[in-house]
Amino acid sequence: MGPLVRRRSSLAHAKCMFHNDLELDHRPTAKDKLVGRMADSYRDLLTSLGEDVNRDGLLKTPERAAKALLYFTKGYDQTIQEVLNEAVFNEEHDEMVIVKEIEMFSMCEHHLVPFMGKVSVAYLPRGLVLGLSKVARIVEIYSRRLQVQERLTKQIAHALIEAINPSGVAVTIEATHMCMVMRGVQKINAKTVTSCMLGVFRDDPKTREEYLALMR
């Protein structure tokens, strides 16, 4: 085989490898397949409502809705260990730490509509403190799932216990539920307040009163 033939053969082989790589790059990922299945379900839902899924305004809606729902529920793909990322520090601080009014968005598992509000978290350290932004990250993990407010409140509190084993934790959530605003009783200004007290916040009235006074 002459040099020119070998060169052409090598070029053809390179082109073949390049095209194979392109095909591999464009193979649907597991997430792509999931979005596709969810988009099909949204098309069925829109059709059931009497809509034309082929009209301009709805052509991309099923895919957008599928990706949006995956984002709204991204907390299922996160763990406390991943989010903390070594942001736990040894610190001889034994006074109350409060992170107030963390904005929260979640999805009601009963009607699949949003509820939103603010979360306040307090803990009494016992040799370990948590990077302040990580408190908000913990709220994000559990709020970005299908939820009820009562369970969300407890999950955040127990996650703090798991992360740094403090003497106690208090969590308060005040939220507006769109299932009460958009349907049912349709009370626009109604708010739901839930709390979870663990450790000294539950057992020691003085600690609990200090927390409530600081919250006010």
N, C-alpha and C. Protein backbone atom coordinates (compact mmCIF):
# COMPACT_ATOMS: atom_id res chain seq x y z
N MET A 1 0.86 -1.19 0.00
CA MET A 1 0.00 0.00 0.00
C MET A 1 0.90 1.24 0.00
N GLY A 2 0.64 2.16 -0.98
CA GLY A 2 1.47 3.35 -1.08
C GLY A 2 1.13 4.38 -0.02
N PRO A 3 2.02 5.41 0.12
CA PRO A 3 1.81 6.45 1.14
C PRO A 3 0.49 7.18 0.96
N LEU A 4 0.11 7.49 -0.29
CA LEU A 4 -1.12 8.22 -0.54
C LEU A 4 -2.33 7.41 -0.13
N VAL A 5 -2.32 6.11 -0.42
CA VAL A 5 -3.44 5.24 -0.05
C VAL A 5 -3.55 5.14 1.46
N ARG A 6 -2.35 5.00 2.13
CA ARG A 6 -2.36 4.89 3.59
C ARG A 6 -2.91 6.17 4.23
N ARG A 7 -2.53 7.33 3.63
CA ARG A 7 -3.00 8.61 4.16
C ARG A 7 -4.51 8.73 4.02
N ARG A 8 -5.03 8.33 2.86
CA ARG A 8 -6.48 8.38 2.65
C ARG A 8 -7.20 7.43 3.60
N SER A 9 -6.61 6.27 3.79
CA SER A 9 -7.21 5.29 4.69
C SER A 9 -7.26 5.84 6.11
N SER A 10 -6.15 6.49 6.53
CA SER A 10 -6.10 7.06 7.88
C SER A 10 -7.13 8.19 8.02
N LEU A 11 -7.26 9.02 6.96
CA LEU A 11 -8.23 10.11 6.99
C LEU A 11 -9.65 9.57 7.09
N ALA A 12 -9.94 8.52 6.31
CA ALA A 12 -11.27 7.92 6.36
C ALA A 12 -11.55 7.36 7.75
N HIS A 13 -10.53 6.72 8.34
CA HIS A 13 -10.70 6.16 9.68
C HIS A 13 -10.95 7.27 10.70
N ALA A 14 -10.20 8.39 10.56
CA ALA A 14 -10.37 9.51 11.49
C ALA A 14 -11.77 10.10 11.37
N LYS A 15 -12.24 10.25 10.10
CA LYS A 15 -13.60 10.78 9.90
C LYS A 15 -14.64 9.86 10.53
N CYS A 16 -14.43 8.56 10.36
CA CYS A 16 -15.36 7.58 10.93
C CYS A 16 -15.39 7.71 12.45
N MET A 17 -14.19 7.82 13.06
CA MET A 17 -14.11 7.96 14.52
C MET A 17 -14.78 9.24 14.98
N PHE A 18 -14.58 10.34 14.19
CA PHE A 18 -15.18 11.63 14.53
C PHE A 18 -16.70 11.54 14.53
N HIS A 19 -17.25 10.92 13.49
CA HIS A 19 -18.70 10.78 13.40
C HIS A 19 -19.24 9.86 14.50
N ASN A 20 -18.47 8.81 14.84
CA ASN A 20 -18.90 7.93 15.93
C ASN A 20 -18.93 8.68 17.25
N ASP A 21 -17.90 9.56 17.45
CA ASP A 21 -17.88 10.37 18.68
C ASP A 21 -19.07 11.30 18.73
N LEU A 22 -19.42 11.91 17.59
CA LEU A 22 -20.58 12.79 17.55
C LEU A 22 -21.85 12.04 17.92
N GLU A 23 -21.98 10.81 17.36
CA GLU A 23 -23.16 10.01 17.67
C GLU A 23 -23.22 9.67 19.15
N LEU A 24 -22.05 9.36 19.74
CA LEU A 24 -22.02 9.06 21.17
C LEU A 24 -22.40 10.28 21.98
N ASP A 25 -21.89 11.47 21.56
CA ASP A 25 -22.21 12.71 22.28
C ASP A 25 -23.70 13.02 22.25
N HIS A 26 -24.39 12.56 21.19
CA HIS A 26 -25.80 12.89 21.04
C HIS A 26 -26.73 11.75 21.48
N ARG A 27 -26.16 10.70 22.04
CA ARG A 27 -27.02 9.65 22.57
C ARG A 27 -27.79 10.17 23.75
N PRO A 28 -29.08 9.87 23.83
CA PRO A 28 -29.89 10.39 24.94
C PRO A 28 -29.35 9.90 26.29
N THR A 29 -29.21 10.82 27.22
CA THR A 29 -28.83 10.46 28.57
C THR A 29 -30.06 9.97 29.33
N ALA A 30 -29.83 9.46 30.53
CA ALA A 30 -30.95 9.02 31.37
C ALA A 30 -31.88 10.19 31.65
N LYS A 31 -31.29 11.38 31.86
CA LYS A 31 -32.13 12.56 32.12
C LYS A 31 -32.93 12.94 30.88
N ASP A 32 -32.32 12.86 29.70
CA ASP A 32 -33.04 13.15 28.46
C ASP A 32 -34.25 12.23 28.32
N LYS A 33 -34.03 10.96 28.61
CA LYS A 33 -35.13 9.99 28.49
C LYS A 33 -36.23 10.30 29.50
N LEU A 34 -35.83 10.69 30.71
CA LEU A 34 -36.81 11.03 31.73
C LEU A 34 -37.64 12.25 31.31
N VAL A 35 -36.95 13.28 30.81
CA VAL A 35 -37.65 14.47 30.32
C VAL A 35 -38.61 14.10 29.20
N GLY A 36 -38.19 13.20 28.32
CA GLY A 36 -39.05 12.78 27.21
C GLY A 36 -40.31 12.09 27.70
N ARG A 37 -40.16 11.19 28.68
CA ARG A 37 -41.35 10.50 29.21
C ARG A 37 -42.28 11.47 29.92
N MET A 38 -41.70 12.38 30.69
CA MET A 38 -42.53 13.37 31.38
C MET A 38 -43.23 14.30 30.40
N ALA A 39 -42.52 14.68 29.33
CA ALA A 39 -43.12 15.55 28.31
C ALA A 39 -44.31 14.86 27.65
N ASP A 40 -44.19 13.56 27.39
CA ASP A 40 -45.32 12.82 26.82
C ASP A 40 -46.52 12.87 27.77
N SER A 41 -46.26 12.75 29.05
CA SER A 41 -47.36 12.81 30.03
C SER A 41 -48.01 14.18 30.03
N TYR A 42 -47.19 15.23 29.92
CA TYR A 42 -47.75 16.58 29.87
C TYR A 42 -48.58 16.78 28.59
N ARG A 43 -48.15 16.20 27.49
CA ARG A 43 -48.94 16.30 26.25
C ARG A 43 -50.31 15.64 26.46
N ASP A 44 -50.32 14.47 27.09
CA ASP A 44 -51.59 13.80 27.36
C ASP A 44 -52.47 14.66 28.26
N LEU A 45 -51.86 15.28 29.26
CA LEU A 45 -52.63 16.13 30.19
C LEU A 45 -53.23 17.33 29.47
N LEU A 46 -52.42 17.99 28.64
CA LEU A 46 -52.92 19.15 27.90
C LEU A 46 -54.03 18.76 26.93
N THR A 47 -53.87 17.61 26.29
CA THR A 47 -54.90 17.12 25.38
C THR A 47 -56.18 16.83 26.14
N SER A 48 -56.06 16.28 27.35
CA SER A 48 -57.24 15.98 28.18
C SER A 48 -57.99 17.25 28.57
N LEU A 49 -57.24 18.36 28.65
CA LEU A 49 -57.88 19.64 28.97
C LEU A 49 -58.60 20.24 27.77
N GLY A 50 -58.41 19.64 26.60
CA GLY A 50 -59.05 20.14 25.38
C GLY A 50 -58.14 21.04 24.57
N GLU A 51 -56.85 21.08 24.93
CA GLU A 51 -55.90 21.93 24.23
C GLU A 51 -55.34 21.23 22.99
N ASP A 52 -54.85 22.05 22.06
CA ASP A 52 -54.16 21.56 20.87
C ASP A 52 -52.66 21.68 21.14
N VAL A 53 -51.99 20.57 21.39
CA VAL A 53 -50.58 20.61 21.75
C VAL A 53 -49.70 20.98 20.56
N ASN A 54 -50.28 21.07 19.37
CA ASN A 54 -49.50 21.42 18.19
C ASN A 54 -49.58 22.90 17.84
N ARG A 55 -50.34 23.67 18.62
CA ARG A 55 -50.38 25.11 18.34
C ARG A 55 -49.09 25.77 18.84
N ASP A 56 -48.78 26.92 18.25
CA ASP A 56 -47.47 27.54 18.48
C ASP A 56 -47.15 27.72 19.96
N GLY A 57 -48.11 28.19 20.72
CA GLY A 57 -47.84 28.50 22.13
C GLY A 57 -47.54 27.29 22.98
N LEU A 58 -47.93 26.09 22.52
CA LEU A 58 -47.77 24.89 23.34
C LEU A 58 -46.76 23.89 22.78
N LEU A 59 -46.15 24.21 21.66
CA LEU A 59 -45.26 23.24 21.02
C LEU A 59 -44.14 22.77 21.96
N LYS A 60 -43.54 23.68 22.68
CA LYS A 60 -42.42 23.34 23.56
C LYS A 60 -42.83 23.25 25.03
N THR A 61 -44.11 23.49 25.30
CA THR A 61 -44.55 23.51 26.69
C THR A 61 -44.33 22.19 27.43
N PRO A 62 -44.63 21.03 26.85
CA PRO A 62 -44.40 19.79 27.59
C PRO A 62 -42.96 19.61 28.05
N GLU A 63 -41.99 19.91 27.18
CA GLU A 63 -40.59 19.79 27.56
C GLU A 63 -40.23 20.81 28.63
N ARG A 64 -40.72 22.06 28.47
CA ARG A 64 -40.42 23.09 29.46
C ARG A 64 -41.00 22.71 30.82
N ALA A 65 -42.23 22.22 30.80
CA ALA A 65 -42.88 21.85 32.06
C ALA A 65 -42.16 20.69 32.74
N ALA A 66 -41.71 19.73 31.95
CA ALA A 66 -40.97 18.59 32.51
C ALA A 66 -39.68 19.05 33.16
N LYS A 67 -38.93 19.91 32.48
CA LYS A 67 -37.66 20.41 33.04
C LYS A 67 -37.92 21.27 34.27
N ALA A 68 -39.00 22.05 34.23
CA ALA A 68 -39.32 22.89 35.38
C ALA A 68 -39.66 22.04 36.60
N LEU A 69 -40.44 21.00 36.42
CA LEU A 69 -40.81 20.14 37.55
C LEU A 69 -39.58 19.44 38.13
N LEU A 70 -38.66 19.03 37.27
CA LEU A 70 -37.43 18.42 37.76
C LEU A 70 -36.61 19.42 38.58
N TYR A 71 -36.63 20.68 38.16
CA TYR A 71 -35.92 21.70 38.93
C TYR A 71 -36.61 21.96 40.26
N PHE A 72 -37.93 22.03 40.23
CA PHE A 72 -38.68 22.28 41.47
C PHE A 72 -38.45 21.17 42.49
N THR A 73 -38.12 19.98 42.02
CA THR A 73 -37.95 18.84 42.92
C THR A 73 -36.51 18.33 42.93
N LYS A 74 -35.56 19.20 42.67
CA LYS A 74 -34.16 18.79 42.58
C LYS A 74 -33.60 18.31 43.92
N GLY A 75 -34.30 18.57 45.01
CA GLY A 75 -33.83 18.12 46.31
C GLY A 75 -33.72 16.61 46.43
N TYR A 76 -34.46 15.88 45.59
CA TYR A 76 -34.36 14.42 45.62
C TYR A 76 -32.96 13.94 45.23
N ASP A 77 -32.23 14.75 44.48
CA ASP A 77 -30.90 14.35 44.00
C ASP A 77 -29.77 14.84 44.90
N GLN A 78 -30.12 15.45 46.05
CA GLN A 78 -29.11 16.01 46.93
C GLN A 78 -29.13 15.34 48.30
N THR A 79 -27.98 15.28 48.94
CA THR A 79 -27.88 14.74 50.29
C THR A 79 -27.22 15.76 51.21
N ILE A 80 -27.43 15.59 52.50
CA ILE A 80 -26.83 16.48 53.48
C ILE A 80 -25.30 16.45 53.36
N GLN A 81 -24.73 15.26 53.21
CA GLN A 81 -23.28 15.12 53.15
C GLN A 81 -22.69 15.89 51.97
N GLU A 82 -23.35 15.81 50.81
CA GLU A 82 -22.85 16.52 49.63
C GLU A 82 -22.94 18.03 49.82
N VAL A 83 -24.02 18.49 50.40
CA VAL A 83 -24.24 19.93 50.53
C VAL A 83 -23.32 20.55 51.59
N LEU A 84 -23.11 19.85 52.70
CA LEU A 84 -22.26 20.41 53.75
C LEU A 84 -20.83 20.60 53.26
N ASN A 85 -20.31 19.63 52.51
CA ASN A 85 -19.01 19.77 51.84
C ASN A 85 -17.94 20.31 52.79
N GLU A 86 -17.80 19.68 53.94
CA GLU A 86 -16.78 20.00 54.93
C GLU A 86 -16.94 21.39 55.54
N ALA A 87 -18.14 21.97 55.47
CA ALA A 87 -18.37 23.29 56.07
C ALA A 87 -18.87 23.16 57.50
N VAL A 88 -18.31 22.19 58.25
CA VAL A 88 -18.58 22.02 59.68
C VAL A 88 -17.29 22.34 60.40
N PHE A 89 -17.36 23.27 61.37
CA PHE A 89 -16.14 23.78 61.98
C PHE A 89 -16.16 23.59 63.49
N ASN A 90 -14.99 23.25 64.03
CA ASN A 90 -14.83 23.18 65.47
C ASN A 90 -14.80 24.60 66.02
N GLU A 91 -15.69 24.89 66.94
CA GLU A 91 -15.77 26.24 67.50
C GLU A 91 -16.39 26.15 68.89
N GLU A 92 -15.67 26.68 69.87
CA GLU A 92 -16.19 26.65 71.24
C GLU A 92 -17.15 27.82 71.45
N HIS A 93 -18.25 27.76 70.74
CA HIS A 93 -19.30 28.77 70.86
C HIS A 93 -20.54 28.07 71.38
N ASP A 94 -21.05 28.53 72.53
CA ASP A 94 -22.18 27.83 73.13
C ASP A 94 -23.41 28.72 73.27
N GLU A 95 -23.43 29.80 72.49
CA GLU A 95 -24.60 30.69 72.47
C GLU A 95 -25.44 30.40 71.23
N MET A 96 -26.68 30.83 71.28
CA MET A 96 -27.62 30.51 70.22
C MET A 96 -27.22 31.12 68.88
N VAL A 97 -27.37 30.34 67.83
CA VAL A 97 -27.16 30.80 66.45
C VAL A 97 -28.51 30.75 65.74
N ILE A 98 -28.90 31.87 65.14
CA ILE A 98 -30.18 31.94 64.43
C ILE A 98 -29.95 32.45 63.01
N VAL A 99 -30.50 31.76 62.04
CA VAL A 99 -30.54 32.24 60.66
C VAL A 99 -32.01 32.47 60.34
N LYS A 100 -32.38 33.73 60.16
CA LYS A 100 -33.79 34.10 60.06
C LYS A 100 -34.22 34.33 58.62
N GLU A 101 -35.50 34.05 58.37
CA GLU A 101 -36.20 34.45 57.15
C GLU A 101 -35.50 33.98 55.87
N ILE A 102 -35.17 32.71 55.85
CA ILE A 102 -34.64 32.10 54.63
C ILE A 102 -35.81 31.88 53.67
N GLU A 103 -35.73 32.45 52.48
CA GLU A 103 -36.83 32.30 51.53
C GLU A 103 -36.94 30.84 51.07
N MET A 104 -38.16 30.37 50.97
CA MET A 104 -38.41 28.96 50.66
C MET A 104 -39.53 28.83 49.65
N PHE A 105 -39.34 27.93 48.67
CA PHE A 105 -40.38 27.55 47.72
C PHE A 105 -40.48 26.03 47.73
N SER A 106 -41.69 25.52 47.75
CA SER A 106 -41.86 24.08 47.71
C SER A 106 -43.13 23.75 46.93
N MET A 107 -43.39 22.45 46.80
CA MET A 107 -44.55 21.97 46.05
C MET A 107 -45.42 21.11 46.97
N CYS A 108 -46.67 21.49 47.10
CA CYS A 108 -47.61 20.72 47.91
C CYS A 108 -47.85 19.35 47.25
N GLU A 109 -47.64 18.29 48.02
CA GLU A 109 -47.79 16.97 47.44
C GLU A 109 -49.25 16.57 47.22
N HIS A 110 -50.18 17.33 47.78
CA HIS A 110 -51.60 16.98 47.64
C HIS A 110 -52.20 17.49 46.33
N HIS A 111 -51.75 18.68 45.88
CA HIS A 111 -52.34 19.27 44.68
C HIS A 111 -51.30 19.65 43.62
N LEU A 112 -50.00 19.44 43.94
CA LEU A 112 -48.92 19.79 43.02
C LEU A 112 -48.94 21.26 42.64
N VAL A 113 -49.24 22.10 43.60
CA VAL A 113 -49.13 23.55 43.42
C VAL A 113 -48.16 24.08 44.47
N PRO A 114 -47.60 25.26 44.25
CA PRO A 114 -46.54 25.74 45.15
C PRO A 114 -47.07 26.20 46.51
N PHE A 115 -46.18 26.14 47.49
CA PHE A 115 -46.33 26.96 48.69
C PHE A 115 -44.99 27.62 48.95
N MET A 116 -45.03 28.80 49.53
CA MET A 116 -43.81 29.60 49.65
C MET A 116 -43.85 30.41 50.93
N GLY A 117 -42.69 30.72 51.45
CA GLY A 117 -42.64 31.49 52.67
C GLY A 117 -41.22 31.66 53.15
N LYS A 118 -41.07 31.73 54.48
CA LYS A 118 -39.76 31.97 55.07
C LYS A 118 -39.52 30.98 56.21
N VAL A 119 -38.26 30.58 56.31
CA VAL A 119 -37.84 29.61 57.32
C VAL A 119 -36.83 30.29 58.24
N SER A 120 -37.00 30.09 59.54
CA SER A 120 -36.00 30.54 60.51
C SER A 120 -35.49 29.32 61.26
N VAL A 121 -34.17 29.25 61.41
CA VAL A 121 -33.53 28.09 62.03
C VAL A 121 -32.62 28.58 63.15
N ALA A 122 -32.72 27.95 64.31
CA ALA A 122 -31.84 28.26 65.44
C ALA A 122 -31.25 26.97 65.98
N TYR A 123 -30.01 27.06 66.45
CA TYR A 123 -29.43 25.91 67.13
C TYR A 123 -28.47 26.38 68.21
N LEU A 124 -28.25 25.53 69.20
CA LEU A 124 -27.34 25.79 70.30
C LEU A 124 -26.13 24.87 70.12
N PRO A 125 -24.99 25.42 69.69
CA PRO A 125 -23.85 24.56 69.33
C PRO A 125 -23.30 23.78 70.52
N ARG A 126 -22.66 22.67 70.17
CA ARG A 126 -21.99 21.86 71.17
C ARG A 126 -20.62 21.45 70.60
N GLY A 127 -19.78 22.49 70.37
CA GLY A 127 -18.43 22.24 69.85
C GLY A 127 -18.31 22.32 68.34
N LEU A 128 -19.43 22.29 67.63
CA LEU A 128 -19.41 22.37 66.17
C LEU A 128 -20.38 23.44 65.70
N VAL A 129 -19.95 24.22 64.69
CA VAL A 129 -20.85 25.18 64.05
C VAL A 129 -20.87 24.89 62.56
N LEU A 130 -21.93 25.35 61.93
CA LEU A 130 -22.15 25.09 60.51
C LEU A 130 -21.98 26.38 59.74
N GLY A 131 -21.31 26.32 58.57
CA GLY A 131 -21.24 27.49 57.70
C GLY A 131 -22.64 28.03 57.45
N LEU A 132 -22.81 29.33 57.62
CA LEU A 132 -24.16 29.90 57.63
C LEU A 132 -24.93 29.64 56.34
N SER A 133 -24.23 29.67 55.22
CA SER A 133 -24.94 29.42 53.95
C SER A 133 -25.45 27.99 53.88
N LYS A 134 -24.83 27.09 54.64
CA LYS A 134 -25.24 25.69 54.60
C LYS A 134 -26.59 25.47 55.27
N VAL A 135 -26.96 26.35 56.19
CA VAL A 135 -28.30 26.27 56.78
C VAL A 135 -29.35 26.47 55.69
N ALA A 136 -29.10 27.49 54.86
CA ALA A 136 -30.02 27.74 53.74
C ALA A 136 -30.00 26.59 52.74
N ARG A 137 -28.85 25.95 52.56
CA ARG A 137 -28.75 24.81 51.64
C ARG A 137 -29.57 23.63 52.16
N ILE A 138 -29.55 23.42 53.46
CA ILE A 138 -30.35 22.34 54.04
C ILE A 138 -31.84 22.61 53.81
N VAL A 139 -32.26 23.85 53.99
CA VAL A 139 -33.65 24.22 53.71
C VAL A 139 -33.98 23.91 52.25
N GLU A 140 -33.04 24.21 51.36
CA GLU A 140 -33.26 23.99 49.93
C GLU A 140 -33.42 22.51 49.60
N ILE A 141 -32.60 21.67 50.22
CA ILE A 141 -32.67 20.23 49.95
C ILE A 141 -34.08 19.70 50.17
N TYR A 142 -34.66 20.04 51.32
CA TYR A 142 -35.94 19.44 51.69
C TYR A 142 -37.15 20.20 51.13
N SER A 143 -36.98 21.49 50.86
CA SER A 143 -38.11 22.23 50.28
C SER A 143 -38.28 21.91 48.81
N ARG A 144 -37.18 21.55 48.13
CA ARG A 144 -37.27 21.24 46.71
C ARG A 144 -37.66 19.77 46.49
N ARG A 145 -38.72 19.39 47.14
CA ARG A 145 -39.33 18.07 46.99
C ARG A 145 -40.83 18.24 47.12
N LEU A 146 -41.59 17.19 46.80
CA LEU A 146 -43.02 17.24 47.09
C LEU A 146 -43.16 17.16 48.60
N GLN A 147 -43.91 18.12 49.18
CA GLN A 147 -43.87 18.27 50.62
C GLN A 147 -45.23 18.61 51.23
N VAL A 148 -45.28 18.44 52.54
CA VAL A 148 -46.25 19.11 53.39
C VAL A 148 -45.44 19.93 54.37
N GLN A 149 -45.96 21.06 54.79
CA GLN A 149 -45.17 21.99 55.59
C GLN A 149 -44.75 21.37 56.93
N GLU A 150 -45.62 20.59 57.52
CA GLU A 150 -45.31 20.00 58.82
C GLU A 150 -44.08 19.08 58.73
N ARG A 151 -44.05 18.24 57.70
CA ARG A 151 -42.92 17.32 57.54
C ARG A 151 -41.65 18.09 57.19
N LEU A 152 -41.77 19.09 56.34
CA LEU A 152 -40.62 19.90 55.96
C LEU A 152 -39.96 20.51 57.19
N THR A 153 -40.76 21.03 58.10
CA THR A 153 -40.23 21.64 59.32
C THR A 153 -39.41 20.64 60.12
N LYS A 154 -39.94 19.43 60.29
CA LYS A 154 -39.23 18.40 61.06
C LYS A 154 -37.97 17.94 60.35
N GLN A 155 -38.03 17.80 59.03
CA GLN A 155 -36.86 17.32 58.29
C GLN A 155 -35.68 18.28 58.41
N ILE A 156 -35.96 19.57 58.35
CA ILE A 156 -34.89 20.56 58.50
C ILE A 156 -34.27 20.47 59.89
N ALA A 157 -35.10 20.35 60.90
CA ALA A 157 -34.61 20.26 62.28
C ALA A 157 -33.75 19.02 62.49
N HIS A 158 -34.22 17.88 62.03
CA HIS A 158 -33.48 16.63 62.22
C HIS A 158 -32.19 16.62 61.39
N ALA A 159 -32.18 17.31 60.24
CA ALA A 159 -30.96 17.40 59.44
C ALA A 159 -29.87 18.16 60.20
N LEU A 160 -30.26 19.21 60.92
CA LEU A 160 -29.29 19.95 61.73
C LEU A 160 -28.73 19.07 62.85
N ILE A 161 -29.60 18.29 63.46
CA ILE A 161 -29.15 17.37 64.50
C ILE A 161 -28.13 16.38 63.93
N GLU A 162 -28.44 15.85 62.77
CA GLU A 162 -27.55 14.88 62.11
C GLU A 162 -26.22 15.52 61.74
N ALA A 163 -26.26 16.78 61.31
CA ALA A 163 -25.05 17.43 60.79
C ALA A 163 -24.06 17.79 61.88
N ILE A 164 -24.53 18.37 63.00
CA ILE A 164 -23.57 18.91 63.99
C ILE A 164 -23.91 18.52 65.43
N ASN A 165 -24.94 17.72 65.63
CA ASN A 165 -25.29 17.24 66.97
C ASN A 165 -25.31 18.37 68.01
N PRO A 166 -26.10 19.41 67.79
CA PRO A 166 -26.15 20.52 68.75
C PRO A 166 -26.96 20.13 69.99
N SER A 167 -26.95 21.03 70.99
CA SER A 167 -27.75 20.79 72.19
C SER A 167 -29.25 20.88 71.89
N GLY A 168 -29.59 21.62 70.86
CA GLY A 168 -30.99 21.74 70.48
C GLY A 168 -31.15 22.49 69.18
N VAL A 169 -32.30 22.31 68.56
CA VAL A 169 -32.62 22.96 67.29
C VAL A 169 -34.06 23.45 67.34
N ALA A 170 -34.29 24.63 66.76
CA ALA A 170 -35.66 25.14 66.59
C ALA A 170 -35.82 25.58 65.14
N VAL A 171 -36.93 25.20 64.55
CA VAL A 171 -37.23 25.60 63.17
C VAL A 171 -38.66 26.12 63.12
N THR A 172 -38.83 27.28 62.50
CA THR A 172 -40.15 27.87 62.31
C THR A 172 -40.34 28.19 60.84
N ILE A 173 -41.49 27.82 60.30
CA ILE A 173 -41.82 28.15 58.90
C ILE A 173 -43.15 28.87 58.86
N GLU A 174 -43.19 29.98 58.14
CA GLU A 174 -44.45 30.68 57.85
C GLU A 174 -44.61 30.71 56.34
N ALA A 175 -45.71 30.15 55.85
CA ALA A 175 -45.85 29.99 54.40
C ALA A 175 -47.28 30.25 53.93
N THR A 176 -47.36 30.63 52.66
CA THR A 176 -48.64 30.78 51.97
C THR A 176 -48.79 29.62 50.99
N HIS A 177 -49.93 28.96 51.04
CA HIS A 177 -50.17 27.78 50.21
C HIS A 177 -51.13 28.13 49.07
N MET A 178 -50.65 27.93 47.86
CA MET A 178 -51.49 28.28 46.72
C MET A 178 -52.71 27.37 46.60
N CYS A 179 -52.69 26.21 47.25
CA CYS A 179 -53.88 25.36 47.23
C CYS A 179 -55.01 25.99 48.05
N MET A 180 -54.66 26.94 48.96
CA MET A 180 -55.68 27.68 49.69
C MET A 180 -56.05 28.98 48.99
N VAL A 181 -55.12 29.49 48.18
CA VAL A 181 -55.33 30.77 47.50
C VAL A 181 -56.07 30.59 46.18
N MET A 182 -55.67 29.59 45.39
CA MET A 182 -56.18 29.42 44.03
C MET A 182 -57.41 28.52 43.95
N ARG A 183 -57.63 27.70 44.99
CA ARG A 183 -58.74 26.75 44.96
C ARG A 183 -59.32 26.66 46.37
N GLY A 184 -60.30 25.78 46.52
CA GLY A 184 -60.85 25.55 47.86
C GLY A 184 -61.44 26.81 48.48
N VAL A 185 -60.92 27.16 49.67
CA VAL A 185 -61.49 28.31 50.39
C VAL A 185 -61.07 29.64 49.80
N GLN A 186 -59.98 29.65 48.98
CA GLN A 186 -59.52 30.86 48.29
C GLN A 186 -59.31 32.03 49.25
N LYS A 187 -58.55 31.79 50.28
CA LYS A 187 -58.22 32.83 51.26
C LYS A 187 -56.81 33.35 50.97
N ILE A 188 -56.76 34.51 50.33
CA ILE A 188 -55.50 35.04 49.80
C ILE A 188 -54.49 35.35 50.90
N ASN A 189 -54.95 35.84 52.04
CA ASN A 189 -54.03 36.29 53.08
C ASN A 189 -53.74 35.25 54.16
N ALA A 190 -54.25 34.05 53.99
CA ALA A 190 -54.03 33.02 55.01
C ALA A 190 -52.58 32.55 55.00
N LYS A 191 -52.00 32.42 56.19
CA LYS A 191 -50.64 31.91 56.33
C LYS A 191 -50.65 30.73 57.30
N THR A 192 -49.76 29.81 57.08
CA THR A 192 -49.62 28.64 57.95
C THR A 192 -48.27 28.72 58.64
N VAL A 193 -48.28 28.58 59.97
CA VAL A 193 -47.04 28.63 60.75
C VAL A 193 -46.84 27.27 61.41
N THR A 194 -45.65 26.71 61.24
CA THR A 194 -45.31 25.44 61.89
C THR A 194 -43.97 25.59 62.59
N SER A 195 -43.75 24.80 63.62
CA SER A 195 -42.47 24.84 64.32
C SER A 195 -42.09 23.45 64.77
N CYS A 196 -40.79 23.26 64.96
CA CYS A 196 -40.27 22.01 65.51
C CYS A 196 -39.17 22.38 66.50
N MET A 197 -39.32 21.93 67.75
CA MET A 197 -38.34 22.19 68.80
C MET A 197 -37.74 20.86 69.24
N LEU A 198 -36.41 20.78 69.21
CA LEU A 198 -35.72 19.57 69.63
C LEU A 198 -34.68 19.92 70.69
N GLY A 199 -34.38 18.96 71.55
CA GLY A 199 -33.35 19.16 72.57
C GLY A 199 -33.75 20.22 73.57
N VAL A 200 -32.82 21.14 73.88
CA VAL A 200 -33.07 22.14 74.92
C VAL A 200 -34.19 23.11 74.53
N PHE A 201 -34.43 23.27 73.25
CA PHE A 201 -35.52 24.16 72.84
C PHE A 201 -36.87 23.57 73.24
N ARG A 202 -36.95 22.27 73.32
CA ARG A 202 -38.18 21.61 73.77
C ARG A 202 -38.20 21.48 75.30
N ASP A 203 -37.05 21.16 75.89
CA ASP A 203 -37.02 20.78 77.30
C ASP A 203 -36.82 21.95 78.25
N ASP A 204 -36.18 23.02 77.77
CA ASP A 204 -35.85 24.16 78.65
C ASP A 204 -36.70 25.37 78.28
N PRO A 205 -37.65 25.74 79.13
CA PRO A 205 -38.53 26.87 78.82
C PRO A 205 -37.77 28.18 78.60
N LYS A 206 -36.66 28.39 79.31
CA LYS A 206 -35.90 29.64 79.17
C LYS A 206 -35.27 29.73 77.78
N THR A 207 -34.71 28.63 77.31
CA THR A 207 -34.11 28.62 75.98
C THR A 207 -35.17 28.85 74.91
N ARG A 208 -36.30 28.19 75.06
CA ARG A 208 -37.38 28.36 74.10
C ARG A 208 -37.88 29.80 74.10
N GLU A 209 -38.01 30.41 75.28
CA GLU A 209 -38.51 31.78 75.37
C GLU A 209 -37.50 32.76 74.77
N GLU A 210 -36.20 32.48 74.96
CA GLU A 210 -35.18 33.34 74.35
C GLU A 210 -35.30 33.31 72.83
N TYR A 211 -35.48 32.11 72.29
CA TYR A 211 -35.65 31.97 70.84
C TYR A 211 -36.88 32.72 70.35
N LEU A 212 -37.99 32.54 71.01
CA LEU A 212 -39.22 33.19 70.58
C LEU A 212 -39.12 34.71 70.70
N ALA A 213 -38.41 35.19 71.76
CA ALA A 213 -38.23 36.62 71.91
C ALA A 213 -37.37 37.19 70.78
N LEU A 214 -36.31 36.49 70.41
CA LEU A 214 -35.45 36.93 69.32
C LEU A 214 -36.19 36.88 67.99
N MET A 215 -37.08 35.92 67.84
CA MET A 215 -37.89 35.84 66.62
C MET A 215 -38.85 37.01 66.50
N ARG A 216 -39.36 37.47 67.63
CA ARG A 216 -40.28 38.61 67.59
C ARG A 216 -39.57 39.91 67.27
